[in-house]
Amino acid sequence: MALQKMIAAAMTVAALGGIVSCESTTTSGSVGADRKQFLLVSSDQLNQMAAKAYTQLQAESAKKGVLNTDAAMTRRIRAIATRITPHTRVFRADAPAWKWEVNTITSNELNAFCMPGGKIMFYTGIVQRLNLTDDEIAVIMGHEIAHALREHSREQVSQAVAAEAAIGIGAALLGLGDGAANLTGTAYQALIASRFSRSHETESDRIGLELAARAGYDPRAGITLWKKMLGASQGGRPPEFLSTHPAEARRIQEIESLLPTVMPLYEAARGGR
């Protein structure tokens, strides 16, 4: 029976079009980002899921009358993205050609994200409630884009798919024929419910800081940003944005340790303006 389950799991992966690999999806840049990753599903498959989820979110938000209702805010966020996204080539040669989308949702939430394939969403609350500067927005955006560049969602979905296969979804494929559909659903749910690990967050802090600096945004804004986040999280439940993030004090120390590396990139970018 164990052999049957192993065969079934392999068949399920094949049905999904997944490819098991241990590789690094990015180059290291100046801050260092090399690490082998367990990647079971394909990038194309995950990008399709992300595009579907993003389109659904846009439709639901438009129906509620909260999508891009603050035109000035949307222009501001898009302008920052326009400066940052060309520099993604430092970490991934293919990334500048992604089908980038940038939108805003009018909400009091302190939230922002970038789905696989470059689908960015900012909630107005994170900008307004924290009174963010463009430099601080750029640090957040760089961080969120880094999740997509590093394919953290793909890692999490791969782990979810592997877990489902291990507990018997492959056997369902052999017996019932619906295992592939169930497994696809598992991957989709893992994607839209993504909560990154602290190691993922730390990686994204490093890469995001470099992206912001290369785009000409002051990386020292990472320090003021997380001090603001620290203030927002005191006296109550931490914002959703901080649900799995490392402690603010620790990530401020990490940013300070990276400044000697990224400040020259910022200064070079500003020198060209």
Protein backbone atom coordinates (compact mmCIF):
# COMPACT_ATOMS: atom_id res chain seq x y z
CA MET A 1 0.00 0.00 0.00
CA ALA A 2 2.87 2.36 0.76
CA LEU A 3 4.20 1.81 -2.74
CA GLN A 4 0.77 2.52 -4.21
CA LYS A 5 0.60 5.79 -2.31
CA MET A 6 4.03 6.79 -3.55
CA ILE A 7 3.04 6.04 -7.14
CA ALA A 8 -0.27 7.86 -6.68
CA ALA A 9 1.46 10.92 -5.28
CA ALA A 10 3.79 11.01 -8.27
CA MET A 11 0.83 10.70 -10.62
CA THR A 12 -0.96 13.51 -8.85
CA VAL A 13 2.06 15.77 -9.22
CA ALA A 14 2.21 14.90 -12.90
CA ALA A 15 -1.49 15.69 -13.27
CA LEU A 16 -0.83 19.11 -11.83
CA GLY A 17 2.02 19.70 -14.24
CA GLY A 18 4.37 20.10 -11.28
CA ILE A 19 8.09 19.54 -11.36
CA VAL A 20 10.00 18.67 -8.20
CA SER A 21 13.19 20.66 -7.97
CA CYS A 22 15.63 22.08 -5.49
CA GLU A 23 16.95 25.30 -6.91
CA SER A 24 17.40 28.98 -6.21
CA THR A 25 14.89 31.15 -8.05
CA THR A 26 16.88 34.36 -7.72
CA THR A 27 20.41 35.63 -7.98
CA SER A 28 21.90 37.03 -4.82
CA GLY A 29 22.13 40.75 -5.62
CA SER A 30 24.27 42.72 -3.19
CA VAL A 31 22.47 41.56 -0.02
CA GLY A 32 22.74 37.83 -0.70
CA ALA A 33 19.70 35.65 -1.44
CA ASP A 34 21.01 32.26 -2.49
CA ARG A 35 19.16 29.30 -0.99
CA LYS A 36 17.91 26.00 -2.39
CA GLN A 37 14.12 25.75 -2.51
CA PHE A 38 11.65 22.86 -2.63
CA LEU A 39 9.49 23.66 -5.65
CA LEU A 40 6.82 21.16 -6.62
CA VAL A 41 4.38 23.19 -8.72
CA SER A 42 5.39 25.20 -11.76
CA SER A 43 5.72 28.99 -11.85
CA ASP A 44 3.26 29.20 -14.74
CA GLN A 45 0.65 27.25 -12.85
CA LEU A 46 1.00 29.40 -9.75
CA ASN A 47 0.95 32.63 -11.76
CA GLN A 48 -2.34 31.53 -13.30
CA MET A 49 -3.79 30.91 -9.84
CA ALA A 50 -2.54 34.29 -8.65
CA ALA A 51 -3.98 36.10 -11.66
CA LYS A 52 -7.34 34.44 -11.01
CA ALA A 53 -7.31 35.37 -7.32
CA TYR A 54 -6.21 38.94 -8.10
CA THR A 55 -8.93 39.41 -10.73
CA GLN A 56 -11.50 38.08 -8.28
CA LEU A 57 -10.31 40.48 -5.58
CA GLN A 58 -10.53 43.39 -8.00
CA ALA A 59 -14.04 42.44 -9.04
CA GLU A 60 -15.22 42.09 -5.45
CA SER A 61 -13.59 45.38 -4.46
CA ALA A 62 -15.08 47.19 -7.45
CA LYS A 63 -18.52 45.84 -6.55
CA LYS A 64 -18.08 47.22 -3.02
CA GLY A 65 -16.95 50.56 -4.46
CA VAL A 66 -13.48 50.47 -2.86
CA LEU A 67 -11.18 49.74 -5.84
CA ASN A 68 -8.94 52.67 -6.88
CA THR A 69 -11.38 55.22 -5.45
CA ASP A 70 -8.52 57.44 -4.26
CA ALA A 71 -7.05 58.44 -7.63
CA ALA A 72 -4.16 60.40 -6.16
CA MET A 73 -3.18 57.49 -3.94
CA THR A 74 -3.34 55.05 -6.85
CA ARG A 75 -1.14 57.30 -9.01
CA ARG A 76 1.35 57.61 -6.18
CA ILE A 77 1.61 53.87 -5.59
CA ARG A 78 1.88 53.15 -9.31
CA ALA A 79 4.62 55.75 -9.75
CA ILE A 80 6.69 54.09 -7.03
CA ALA A 81 6.15 50.69 -8.61
CA THR A 82 7.22 52.04 -11.99
CA ARG A 83 10.57 53.04 -10.50
CA ILE A 84 11.12 49.79 -8.62
CA THR A 85 10.06 47.07 -11.06
CA PRO A 86 12.85 47.60 -13.65
CA HIS A 87 15.38 46.79 -10.92
CA THR A 88 13.88 43.37 -10.34
CA ARG A 89 16.19 42.22 -13.13
CA VAL A 90 19.04 42.28 -10.59
CA PHE A 91 17.43 39.27 -8.92
CA ARG A 92 15.52 37.74 -11.84
CA ALA A 93 16.16 38.42 -15.51
CA ASP A 94 12.56 37.58 -16.42
CA ALA A 95 10.85 39.73 -13.80
CA PRO A 96 10.74 43.12 -15.59
CA ALA A 97 8.64 41.47 -18.31
CA TRP A 98 6.04 40.11 -15.88
CA LYS A 99 2.48 41.36 -16.34
CA TRP A 100 2.72 43.80 -13.46
CA GLU A 101 -0.50 45.25 -12.07
CA VAL A 102 -0.78 47.87 -9.32
CA ASN A 103 -4.03 48.81 -7.64
CA THR A 104 -5.33 50.19 -4.36
CA ILE A 105 -8.20 49.29 -2.09
CA THR A 106 -9.81 51.91 0.14
CA SER A 107 -9.68 50.26 3.54
CA ASN A 108 -8.51 51.03 7.05
CA GLU A 109 -6.39 47.86 7.04
CA LEU A 110 -2.63 48.05 7.38
CA ASN A 111 -1.97 45.74 4.48
CA ALA A 112 -0.16 45.38 1.16
CA PHE A 113 0.94 42.43 -0.94
CA CYS A 114 2.40 41.30 -4.25
CA MET A 115 1.06 38.04 -5.64
CA PRO A 116 3.14 35.74 -7.86
CA GLY A 117 3.71 37.23 -11.28
CA GLY A 118 3.69 40.84 -10.07
CA LYS A 119 0.11 41.51 -8.90
CA ILE A 120 0.45 44.36 -6.37
CA MET A 121 -2.27 45.65 -4.06
CA PHE A 122 -1.94 48.42 -1.46
CA TYR A 123 -4.61 49.22 1.11
CA THR A 124 -4.99 52.94 1.68
CA GLY A 125 -4.98 52.43 5.45
CA ILE A 126 -1.32 51.46 5.58
CA VAL A 127 -0.34 54.71 3.86
CA GLN A 128 -2.75 57.03 5.63
CA ARG A 129 -2.71 55.65 9.16
CA LEU A 130 1.08 55.48 9.26
CA ASN A 131 1.52 58.71 7.27
CA LEU A 132 4.05 56.99 5.04
CA THR A 133 6.60 58.84 2.94
CA ASP A 134 7.38 57.66 -0.59
CA ASP A 135 10.61 56.13 0.73
CA GLU A 136 8.69 54.14 3.34
CA ILE A 137 6.13 52.99 0.76
CA ALA A 138 9.03 51.89 -1.45
CA VAL A 139 10.49 49.78 1.37
CA ILE A 140 7.14 48.03 1.84
CA MET A 141 6.70 47.58 -1.90
CA GLY A 142 10.21 46.22 -2.32
CA HIS A 143 9.55 43.77 0.49
CA GLU A 144 6.31 42.54 -1.08
CA ILE A 145 7.82 42.30 -4.56
CA ALA A 146 10.66 40.27 -3.04
CA HIS A 147 8.15 37.63 -1.93
CA ALA A 148 7.13 37.24 -5.59
CA LEU A 149 10.69 37.29 -6.91
CA ARG A 150 11.78 34.66 -4.41
CA GLU A 151 8.62 32.61 -5.09
CA HIS A 152 7.76 32.18 -1.43
CA SER A 153 4.15 31.40 -2.35
CA ARG A 154 5.38 28.67 -4.69
CA GLU A 155 7.37 27.18 -1.83
CA GLN A 156 4.35 27.24 0.48
CA VAL A 157 2.01 25.79 -2.12
CA SER A 158 4.57 23.07 -2.89
CA GLN A 159 4.72 22.17 0.79
CA ALA A 160 0.92 22.08 1.01
CA VAL A 161 0.65 19.88 -2.08
CA ALA A 162 3.33 17.51 -0.75
CA ALA A 163 1.55 17.28 2.59
CA GLU A 164 -1.76 16.43 0.94
CA ALA A 165 -0.11 13.78 -1.19
CA ALA A 166 1.63 12.29 1.84
CA ILE A 167 -1.62 11.81 3.76
CA GLY A 168 -3.39 9.99 1.00
CA ILE A 169 -4.61 12.27 -1.76
CA GLY A 170 -2.65 10.17 -4.21
CA ALA A 171 -4.58 7.10 -3.14
CA ALA A 172 -7.78 8.99 -3.83
CA LEU A 173 -6.52 9.56 -7.35
CA LEU A 174 -6.06 5.82 -7.84
CA GLY A 175 -9.41 4.93 -6.35
CA LEU A 176 -11.75 7.80 -7.09
CA GLY A 177 -10.16 9.84 -9.82
CA ASP A 178 -10.72 13.20 -8.11
CA GLY A 179 -7.36 13.52 -6.39
CA ALA A 180 -5.93 15.93 -8.97
CA ALA A 181 -8.87 18.28 -8.56
CA ASN A 182 -8.58 18.13 -4.76
CA LEU A 183 -4.86 18.74 -4.93
CA THR A 184 -5.32 21.70 -7.25
CA GLY A 185 -7.78 23.11 -4.73
CA THR A 186 -5.25 22.63 -1.95
CA ALA A 187 -2.65 24.57 -3.93
CA TYR A 188 -5.12 27.37 -4.67
CA GLN A 189 -6.18 27.66 -1.03
CA ALA A 190 -2.55 27.70 0.11
CA LEU A 191 -1.88 30.53 -2.33
CA ILE A 192 -4.75 32.82 -1.38
CA ALA A 193 -4.34 32.15 2.34
CA SER A 194 -0.59 32.67 2.24
CA ARG A 195 1.12 33.56 5.52
CA PHE A 196 4.84 33.70 5.02
CA SER A 197 7.31 32.27 7.50
CA ARG A 198 9.68 34.46 9.43
CA SER A 199 12.59 33.25 7.32
CA HIS A 200 10.67 34.32 4.21
CA GLU A 201 10.01 37.71 5.78
CA THR A 202 13.68 38.18 6.61
CA GLU A 203 14.67 37.30 3.04
CA SER A 204 12.15 39.77 1.68
CA ASP A 205 13.40 42.50 3.99
CA ARG A 206 16.90 42.07 2.58
CA ILE A 207 15.91 41.93 -1.09
CA GLY A 208 13.26 44.64 -0.71
CA LEU A 209 15.71 47.05 0.85
CA GLU A 210 18.07 46.62 -2.08
CA LEU A 211 15.24 47.11 -4.60
CA ALA A 212 14.18 50.34 -2.93
CA ALA A 213 17.77 51.61 -2.81
CA ARG A 214 18.44 50.80 -6.47
CA ALA A 215 15.28 52.70 -7.41
CA GLY A 216 16.55 55.79 -5.60
CA TYR A 217 14.53 55.47 -2.40
CA ASP A 218 16.33 55.99 0.90
CA PRO A 219 16.76 52.57 2.56
CA ARG A 220 17.04 54.29 5.94
CA ALA A 221 13.27 54.69 5.64
CA GLY A 222 13.09 51.03 6.66
CA ILE A 223 14.03 52.11 10.17
CA THR A 224 11.37 54.82 10.43
CA LEU A 225 8.82 52.49 8.83
CA TRP A 226 9.23 49.74 11.38
CA LYS A 227 9.22 52.22 14.24
CA LYS A 228 5.82 53.33 12.94
CA MET A 229 4.75 49.71 12.67
CA LEU A 230 5.91 49.14 16.24
CA GLY A 231 3.76 52.04 17.39
CA ALA A 232 0.75 50.69 15.47
CA SER A 233 1.10 47.27 17.08
CA GLN A 234 1.29 48.49 20.67
CA GLY A 235 -1.73 48.49 22.93
CA GLY A 236 -3.70 45.95 20.92
CA ARG A 237 -3.69 43.19 18.35
CA PRO A 238 -0.83 43.53 15.84
CA PRO A 239 -1.88 44.49 12.31
CA GLU A 240 -2.50 41.61 9.88
CA PHE A 241 0.52 42.84 7.93
CA LEU A 242 2.68 41.86 10.90
CA SER A 243 1.11 38.46 11.60
CA THR A 244 4.23 36.39 10.93
CA HIS A 245 6.81 39.13 10.60
CA PRO A 246 9.89 39.13 12.83
CA ALA A 247 9.85 41.44 15.83
CA GLU A 248 10.14 45.06 14.73
CA ALA A 249 13.16 45.70 16.95
CA ARG A 250 15.01 42.75 15.44
CA ARG A 251 14.25 43.74 11.87
CA ILE A 252 15.36 47.31 12.57
CA GLN A 253 18.71 45.88 13.69
CA GLU A 254 18.85 43.84 10.49
CA ILE A 255 18.17 46.93 8.37
CA GLU A 256 20.87 48.85 10.20
CA SER A 257 23.33 46.04 9.50
CA LEU A 258 22.47 46.18 5.77
CA LEU A 259 22.82 49.95 5.38
CA PRO A 260 26.56 49.85 4.58
CA THR A 261 25.69 47.52 1.69
CA VAL A 262 22.63 49.31 0.27
CA MET A 263 23.44 52.99 0.92
CA PRO A 264 26.03 53.09 -1.91
CA LEU A 265 23.34 51.73 -4.26
CA TYR A 266 20.96 54.49 -3.16
CA GLU A 267 23.64 57.15 -3.53
CA ALA A 268 24.53 55.88 -7.01
CA ALA A 269 20.86 55.95 -8.00
CA ARG A 270 20.42 59.47 -6.69
CA GLY A 271 23.60 60.58 -8.42
CA GLY A 272 22.03 59.67 -11.74
CA ARG A 273 19.03 61.94 -11.14
